Amino acid sequence: MSNNDFQIRTMSRDEIDTAVEWAMLEGWNPGLHDAENYYTADPEGFLVGLINDEPIAVISVVKYDDRFGFLGFYIVKQEYRGQGYGIQIWNAGMQRLQGLNIGLDGVVDQQENYKKSGFKLAYRNIRYQGTGGGNTPQHSAVVV
């Protein structure tokens, strides 16, 4: 498959759920309402890369205002990695956020690549997980 068959466009709201599913398959933990909130903030903030109408790459590049944008959900399907599709959708996303201060919640293994695009490490996140005990509270705002 040549890169000439690769097309990038804005995702529809329904397609954004695909990005969330892919993120979960990568072992990431997107929030339950992230997609809806990001879409509300910027309906054009999600890009999809397609080959013959099949989604193979996604990235979110949400503009919050005329000064700040946030990049995330940068995923290429496993079988298409290393073929140049990722950098194409990355560049399209960076073009969309050109001139803005850009935040990114990056994957540790990709930090050197982020530096090549001008990103600087601001801080590290450390996530902890455990198993609680007792009964689950019965409240409509608690999602188990």
Protein backbone atom coordinates (compact mmCIF):
# COMPACT_ATOMS: atom_id res chain seq x y z
CA MET A 1 0.00 0.00 0.00
CA SER A 2 1.48 3.35 -0.95
CA ASN A 3 1.22 6.49 1.16
CA ASN A 4 -0.65 8.02 -1.80
CA ASP A 5 -3.73 6.05 -0.73
CA PHE A 6 -3.66 7.64 2.73
CA GLN A 7 -6.20 10.41 3.42
CA ILE A 8 -6.66 12.53 6.53
CA ARG A 9 -9.91 14.23 7.50
CA THR A 10 -11.86 15.48 10.51
CA MET A 11 -13.72 12.78 12.44
CA SER A 12 -17.46 12.79 13.03
CA ARG A 13 -18.68 12.64 16.64
CA ASP A 14 -19.53 8.93 16.28
CA GLU A 15 -16.06 8.17 14.90
CA ILE A 16 -14.41 9.68 17.97
CA ASP A 17 -15.64 6.68 19.94
CA THR A 18 -13.25 4.62 17.78
CA ALA A 19 -10.33 6.69 19.09
CA VAL A 20 -11.50 6.05 22.65
CA GLU A 21 -11.75 2.30 21.97
CA TRP A 22 -8.27 2.24 20.43
CA ALA A 23 -6.90 4.11 23.46
CA MET A 24 -8.38 1.49 25.79
CA LEU A 25 -6.85 -1.29 23.66
CA GLU A 26 -3.46 0.44 24.09
CA GLY A 27 -3.94 0.20 27.87
CA TRP A 28 -4.68 3.90 28.30
CA ASN A 29 -7.52 5.05 30.50
CA PRO A 30 -9.48 7.81 28.80
CA GLY A 31 -12.18 9.32 30.98
CA LEU A 32 -15.73 8.14 30.55
CA HIS A 33 -16.82 11.50 29.15
CA ASP A 34 -13.57 12.71 27.53
CA ALA A 35 -14.77 12.29 23.95
CA GLU A 36 -17.93 14.30 24.49
CA ASN A 37 -16.11 17.06 26.36
CA TYR A 38 -13.34 17.39 23.80
CA TYR A 39 -15.85 17.35 20.95
CA THR A 40 -17.89 20.08 22.65
CA ALA A 41 -14.74 22.19 23.07
CA ASP A 42 -13.67 21.72 19.43
CA PRO A 43 -15.81 19.68 16.99
CA GLU A 44 -12.96 19.72 14.44
CA GLY A 45 -10.34 18.61 16.95
CA PHE A 46 -10.12 14.93 16.00
CA LEU A 47 -8.42 13.71 12.82
CA VAL A 48 -8.56 10.26 11.27
CA GLY A 49 -6.20 8.76 8.72
CA LEU A 50 -7.78 6.34 6.28
CA ILE A 51 -6.71 3.86 3.64
CA ASN A 52 -9.58 2.93 1.31
CA ASP A 53 -12.05 4.33 3.88
CA GLU A 54 -10.60 2.13 6.67
CA PRO A 55 -9.49 4.11 9.75
CA ILE A 56 -5.85 3.27 10.50
CA ALA A 57 -4.67 6.32 12.49
CA VAL A 58 -6.19 8.89 14.84
CA ILE A 59 -5.06 12.00 16.70
CA SER A 60 -6.84 14.65 18.73
CA VAL A 61 -5.73 18.25 18.32
CA VAL A 62 -8.26 20.22 20.32
CA LYS A 63 -8.11 24.02 20.27
CA TYR A 64 -9.31 25.49 23.54
CA ASP A 65 -8.92 29.08 22.36
CA ASP A 66 -6.60 31.10 20.12
CA ARG A 67 -3.63 30.48 22.43
CA PHE A 68 -3.80 26.87 23.66
CA GLY A 69 -4.38 23.44 22.16
CA PHE A 70 -3.97 19.90 23.43
CA LEU A 71 -2.75 16.86 21.52
CA GLY A 72 -3.67 13.28 22.39
CA PHE A 73 -5.17 10.02 21.18
CA TYR A 74 -2.19 9.66 18.82
CA ILE A 75 -2.57 6.06 17.68
CA VAL A 76 -1.76 4.09 14.54
CA LYS A 77 -3.12 0.56 14.19
CA GLN A 78 -0.37 -1.95 14.96
CA GLU A 79 -0.18 -3.40 11.44
CA TYR A 80 0.36 0.06 9.90
CA ARG A 81 3.07 1.30 12.28
CA GLY A 82 6.51 2.10 10.91
CA GLN A 83 5.18 2.91 7.42
CA GLY A 84 5.01 6.71 7.66
CA TYR A 85 1.30 7.07 8.40
CA GLY A 86 1.83 8.16 11.98
CA ILE A 87 4.12 11.05 11.09
CA GLN A 88 1.67 12.19 8.41
CA ILE A 89 -1.25 12.45 10.83
CA TRP A 90 1.07 13.93 13.48
CA ASN A 91 2.15 16.66 11.04
CA ALA A 92 -1.47 17.36 10.07
CA GLY A 93 -2.32 17.73 13.75
CA MET A 94 0.65 19.97 14.43
CA GLN A 95 -0.33 22.12 11.44
CA ARG A 96 -3.82 22.52 12.90
CA LEU A 97 -2.35 23.73 16.21
CA GLN A 98 0.36 25.88 14.63
CA GLY A 99 1.05 29.07 16.57
CA LEU A 100 -0.55 27.80 19.78
CA ASN A 101 0.99 26.70 23.03
CA ILE A 102 0.43 22.92 22.83
CA GLY A 103 0.03 20.54 25.72
CA LEU A 104 0.33 16.79 25.37
CA ASP A 105 -0.11 13.80 27.65
CA GLY A 106 2.62 11.71 26.12
CA VAL A 107 3.69 8.10 26.24
CA VAL A 108 7.00 7.71 28.10
CA ASP A 109 8.50 5.59 25.29
CA GLN A 110 7.88 8.43 22.81
CA GLN A 111 9.41 11.30 24.81
CA GLU A 112 12.47 11.56 22.56
CA ASN A 113 10.20 11.85 19.51
CA TYR A 114 8.15 14.58 21.21
CA LYS A 115 11.37 16.52 21.85
CA LYS A 116 12.11 16.40 18.10
CA SER A 117 8.83 18.27 17.57
CA GLY A 118 9.80 20.93 20.11
CA PHE A 119 8.01 19.60 23.19
CA LYS A 120 9.63 19.91 26.61
CA LEU A 121 8.90 17.70 29.60
CA ALA A 122 6.95 19.74 32.14
CA TYR A 123 6.36 17.05 34.77
CA ARG A 124 5.87 13.32 35.26
CA ASN A 125 2.66 11.61 36.21
CA ILE A 126 2.75 8.55 38.40
CA ARG A 127 -0.41 6.51 38.59
CA TYR A 128 -1.23 4.12 41.38
CA GLN A 129 -3.82 1.41 41.44
CA GLY A 130 -5.14 -0.82 44.17
CA THR A 131 -7.99 -2.98 45.26
CA GLY A 132 -10.38 -1.49 47.78
CA GLY A 133 -12.50 -3.30 50.26
CA GLY A 134 -15.99 -2.94 51.57
CA ASN A 135 -19.24 -2.18 49.85
CA THR A 136 -19.56 -0.03 46.76
CA PRO A 137 -21.42 3.20 47.57
CA GLN A 138 -24.86 3.35 46.00
CA HIS A 139 -24.89 6.76 44.35
CA SER A 140 -25.87 7.75 40.82
CA ALA A 141 -22.63 9.72 40.37
CA VAL A 142 -20.43 6.70 41.19
CA VAL A 143 -19.58 4.57 38.14
CA VAL A 144 -18.15 1.13 38.77
